[in-house]
Amino acid sequence: MPNASRPHRLPRRLFALATDNRLARGYLAAFAASVLVVFLFPDSDLAQSSMMLTAPLSFLGVVLPFGPGTEGGGAVEASAVVLWAVWLGLCALVNAAVLGALAAGSRNAASPGTRTPARSTSTGRRRTRDLLAPAVDNWLARGYLAVVAAALGFFLVAVYALPDPGFAGIWPLMSTAPFSFLALVAVPTEDSALAWLNPLTFSAGVALCGLFNAVLLGHLARRLRVREARTAA
């Protein structure tokens, strides 16, 4: 039955997308270099580069019961590090597949034979809808947006309703990484007269980063569907 083999084909489709273009292969090469830095220079500031390169999926490791720093003896600690390395590799594979899907979509859009639509007043709106459509037309991107909305909602409730928000901002920051760290640059400083805009500015930046990530995931979902249709045919 075709549906029975679908889960078995998914890893192959992901691997194909992650390796069939220079953009994805370049990303994997950068990730491999970052892992090498972790082992050669563990105390360097660049030791966290592998986490940043595999964000946001890699940041889910904070809720997983394994990883560097796990205690329990040599065998337990070694197993935890191995599991963490496997998890990081899977995150890198997914991110590379996302980049591969984006590159494949760009090639198709620029392929000869496509006609440029005539200019009209609605061209800009149509292009915007086309750009944002991958963020909402598949379950993968919609599920990710739901996670971002929950993290952002928790942050806003903590800021405006709780006496001490603590580190509530870490959840939307991690769920929309790596681009969300750029949103911190636009946040006014505590000494600024616009400091009251901090939560709103941060929320807007995080929302935009989440939307951008959802578009990338949507492109991945589309390319997986295309490859599945070709395989079935």
Protein backbone atom coordinates (compact mmCIF):
# COMPACT_ATOMS: atom_id res chain seq x y z
CA MET A 1 0.00 0.00 0.00
CA PRO A 2 1.40 3.45 -0.89
CA ASN A 3 0.46 5.04 2.43
CA ALA A 4 2.21 2.34 4.42
CA SER A 5 5.61 3.23 3.00
CA ARG A 6 5.19 7.00 3.38
CA PRO A 7 6.95 7.26 6.80
CA HIS A 8 9.87 5.29 5.39
CA ARG A 9 10.21 7.64 2.41
CA LEU A 10 10.20 10.81 4.51
CA PRO A 11 13.85 10.52 5.72
CA ARG A 12 14.97 9.91 2.14
CA ARG A 13 13.08 12.95 0.88
CA LEU A 14 14.53 15.11 3.65
CA PHE A 15 18.04 13.89 2.89
CA ALA A 16 17.55 14.53 -0.83
CA LEU A 17 16.42 18.10 -0.22
CA ALA A 18 19.31 18.63 2.20
CA THR A 19 21.96 17.58 -0.30
CA ASP A 20 20.79 18.36 -3.85
CA ASN A 21 21.87 22.02 -4.06
CA ARG A 22 24.80 24.19 -3.07
CA LEU A 23 22.89 26.27 -0.54
CA ALA A 24 21.92 23.25 1.55
CA ARG A 25 25.33 21.61 1.21
CA GLY A 26 27.04 24.85 2.19
CA TYR A 27 24.88 25.03 5.30
CA LEU A 28 25.79 21.45 6.23
CA ALA A 29 29.46 22.27 5.74
CA ALA A 30 29.13 25.28 8.05
CA PHE A 31 27.38 23.10 10.62
CA ALA A 32 30.14 20.48 10.43
CA ALA A 33 32.73 23.23 10.99
CA SER A 34 30.79 24.52 14.00
CA VAL A 35 30.72 21.01 15.53
CA LEU A 36 34.47 20.78 15.03
CA VAL A 37 34.87 24.09 16.86
CA VAL A 38 32.91 22.67 19.81
CA PHE A 39 35.42 19.85 20.22
CA LEU A 40 38.56 21.88 19.50
CA PHE A 41 37.64 25.05 21.40
CA PRO A 42 34.94 24.13 23.95
CA ASP A 43 35.52 27.30 25.99
CA SER A 44 35.39 29.64 23.00
CA ASP A 45 32.48 32.00 22.32
CA LEU A 46 32.06 30.15 19.02
CA ALA A 47 31.22 26.92 20.85
CA GLN A 48 27.53 27.87 20.75
CA SER A 49 27.55 28.41 16.99
CA SER A 50 26.24 24.90 16.34
CA MET A 51 23.19 25.64 18.49
CA MET A 52 22.57 28.89 16.63
CA LEU A 53 22.97 27.26 13.23
CA THR A 54 20.42 24.57 14.07
CA ALA A 55 17.91 26.89 15.76
CA PRO A 56 15.04 26.90 16.48
CA LEU A 57 14.77 23.11 16.69
CA SER A 58 18.02 22.76 18.61
CA PHE A 59 16.69 24.95 21.43
CA LEU A 60 14.08 22.29 22.16
CA GLY A 61 16.98 20.49 23.79
CA VAL A 62 16.41 22.54 26.95
CA VAL A 63 13.30 20.44 27.65
CA LEU A 64 14.86 17.11 26.67
CA PRO A 65 16.23 14.89 29.49
CA PHE A 66 19.67 14.56 27.95
CA GLY A 67 22.57 16.61 26.70
CA PRO A 68 25.91 18.00 27.86
CA GLY A 69 25.96 18.40 31.64
CA THR A 70 23.83 15.30 32.33
CA GLU A 71 24.92 13.62 35.54
CA GLY A 72 24.81 9.95 36.43
CA GLY A 73 28.16 8.36 35.73
CA GLY A 74 30.39 7.84 32.73
CA ALA A 75 28.06 5.61 30.71
CA VAL A 76 25.02 7.83 31.31
CA GLU A 77 26.90 11.01 30.50
CA ALA A 78 28.41 9.51 27.34
CA SER A 79 24.98 8.29 26.19
CA ALA A 80 23.49 11.72 26.86
CA VAL A 81 26.16 13.43 24.76
CA VAL A 82 25.68 10.94 21.92
CA LEU A 83 21.91 11.46 21.97
CA TRP A 84 22.43 15.21 22.02
CA ALA A 85 24.77 14.97 19.01
CA VAL A 86 22.22 12.86 17.11
CA TRP A 87 19.49 15.37 17.95
CA LEU A 88 21.68 18.25 16.76
CA GLY A 89 22.40 16.39 13.53
CA LEU A 90 18.68 15.85 12.90
CA CYS A 91 18.05 19.56 13.49
CA ALA A 92 20.77 20.40 10.98
CA LEU A 93 19.25 17.98 8.45
CA VAL A 94 15.83 19.61 8.76
CA ASN A 95 17.28 23.11 8.41
CA ALA A 96 19.31 22.02 5.38
CA ALA A 97 16.16 20.52 3.85
CA VAL A 98 14.36 23.83 4.44
CA LEU A 99 17.12 25.69 2.60
CA GLY A 100 17.08 23.06 -0.13
CA ALA A 101 13.32 23.47 -0.56
CA LEU A 102 13.73 27.25 -0.74
CA ALA A 103 16.45 26.94 -3.38
CA ALA A 104 14.37 24.46 -5.38
CA GLY A 105 11.39 26.79 -5.28
CA SER A 106 13.54 29.70 -6.46
CA ARG A 107 14.81 27.63 -9.40
CA ASN A 108 11.28 26.74 -10.41
CA ALA A 109 10.17 30.35 -10.18
CA ALA A 110 13.04 31.48 -12.39
CA SER A 111 12.73 28.64 -14.89
CA PRO A 112 12.24 29.64 -18.54
CA GLY A 113 8.76 29.62 -19.93
CA THR A 114 7.17 31.42 -16.98
CA ARG A 115 5.45 34.61 -17.96
CA THR A 116 5.67 37.78 -15.92
CA PRO A 117 2.21 38.96 -14.91
CA ALA A 118 1.06 42.32 -16.19
CA ARG A 119 1.42 45.26 -13.86
CA SER A 120 -1.74 46.24 -12.01
CA THR A 121 -2.77 47.83 -8.75
CA SER A 122 -3.31 44.41 -7.20
CA THR A 123 0.10 43.02 -8.18
CA GLY A 124 1.68 44.00 -4.86
CA ARG A 125 -1.10 42.41 -2.81
CA ARG A 126 -1.01 39.27 -4.94
CA ARG A 127 2.74 38.97 -4.51
CA THR A 128 2.40 39.42 -0.75
CA ARG A 129 -0.23 36.69 -0.60
CA ASP A 130 1.97 34.40 -2.67
CA LEU A 131 4.95 35.05 -0.39
CA LEU A 132 2.98 34.39 2.81
CA ALA A 133 0.88 31.49 1.53
CA PRO A 134 3.44 28.79 2.52
CA ALA A 135 3.05 29.89 6.16
CA VAL A 136 -0.62 28.92 6.33
CA ASP A 137 -1.41 26.36 3.63
CA ASN A 138 0.07 23.29 5.35
CA TRP A 139 -0.07 21.67 8.78
CA LEU A 140 3.67 21.88 9.41
CA ALA A 141 3.79 25.67 9.17
CA ARG A 142 0.45 26.15 10.94
CA GLY A 143 1.58 23.94 13.82
CA TYR A 144 4.77 25.96 14.14
CA LEU A 145 2.80 29.23 14.16
CA ALA A 146 0.62 27.81 16.93
CA VAL A 147 3.74 27.14 19.03
CA VAL A 148 4.99 30.68 18.39
CA ALA A 149 1.60 32.16 19.27
CA ALA A 150 1.50 30.19 22.53
CA ALA A 151 5.02 31.29 23.49
CA LEU A 152 4.29 34.91 22.60
CA GLY A 153 0.97 34.84 24.44
CA PHE A 154 2.64 33.46 27.55
CA PHE A 155 5.23 36.25 27.35
CA LEU A 156 2.60 39.01 27.07
CA VAL A 157 0.53 37.58 29.91
CA ALA A 158 3.62 37.34 32.10
CA VAL A 159 4.64 40.92 31.31
CA TYR A 160 1.26 42.60 31.75
CA ALA A 161 -0.55 40.34 34.22
CA LEU A 162 2.05 38.78 36.48
CA PRO A 163 3.98 40.68 39.18
CA ASP A 164 7.28 39.14 38.08
CA PRO A 165 7.56 38.01 34.43
CA GLY A 166 10.97 36.46 35.10
CA PHE A 167 12.47 34.95 31.97
CA ALA A 168 9.20 34.59 30.07
CA GLY A 169 10.78 36.18 27.01
CA ILE A 170 13.10 33.24 26.51
CA TRP A 171 10.31 31.05 25.08
CA PRO A 172 9.31 33.27 22.13
CA LEU A 173 12.99 34.07 21.61
CA MET A 174 13.95 30.41 21.29
CA SER A 175 10.90 29.36 19.28
CA THR A 176 11.64 31.94 16.58
CA ALA A 177 15.45 31.70 16.59
CA PRO A 178 17.84 32.39 15.01
CA PHE A 179 16.34 35.52 13.48
CA SER A 180 14.62 36.52 16.73
CA PHE A 181 17.98 37.52 18.19
CA LEU A 182 17.99 40.33 15.65
CA ALA A 183 14.78 41.60 17.24
CA LEU A 184 16.70 42.32 20.43
CA VAL A 185 18.73 44.93 18.56
CA ALA A 186 15.60 47.03 17.94
CA VAL A 187 14.41 46.87 21.55
CA PRO A 188 14.89 50.21 23.34
CA THR A 189 17.26 50.19 26.29
CA GLU A 190 15.99 50.39 29.85
CA ASP A 191 17.32 53.97 30.14
CA SER A 192 15.54 55.13 27.00
CA ALA A 193 12.38 57.25 27.11
CA LEU A 194 10.78 54.55 24.93
CA ALA A 195 11.54 51.75 27.37
CA TRP A 196 7.79 51.18 27.80
CA LEU A 197 7.80 49.94 24.19
CA ASN A 198 10.12 47.06 25.04
CA PRO A 199 7.45 44.31 25.23
CA LEU A 200 5.60 45.58 22.17
CA THR A 201 8.72 46.04 20.05
CA PHE A 202 10.04 42.65 21.09
CA SER A 203 6.69 40.98 20.39
CA ALA A 204 6.42 42.54 16.94
CA GLY A 205 9.96 41.48 16.04
CA VAL A 206 9.41 37.95 17.31
CA ALA A 207 6.12 37.67 15.41
CA LEU A 208 7.81 38.69 12.16
CA CYS A 209 10.63 36.20 12.75
CA GLY A 210 8.10 33.46 13.47
CA LEU A 211 6.23 34.30 10.27
CA PHE A 212 9.47 34.14 8.29
CA ASN A 213 10.33 30.74 9.79
CA ALA A 214 6.81 29.50 9.02
CA VAL A 215 7.22 30.52 5.37
CA LEU A 216 10.45 28.52 5.18
CA LEU A 217 8.78 25.49 6.77
CA GLY A 218 5.91 25.87 4.32
CA HIS A 219 8.32 25.71 1.41
CA LEU A 220 9.74 22.51 2.91
CA ALA A 221 6.25 20.99 3.21
CA ARG A 222 5.49 21.90 -0.40
CA ARG A 223 8.67 20.34 -1.73
CA LEU A 224 8.03 17.17 0.27
CA ARG A 225 4.56 16.94 -1.26
CA VAL A 226 5.98 17.43 -4.75
CA ARG A 227 8.58 14.70 -4.24
CA GLU A 228 5.93 12.38 -2.82
CA ALA A 229 3.70 12.95 -5.85
CA ARG A 230 6.61 12.24 -8.22
CA THR A 231 7.49 9.06 -6.31
CA ALA A 232 3.88 7.87 -6.39
CA ALA A 233 3.67 8.54 -10.11
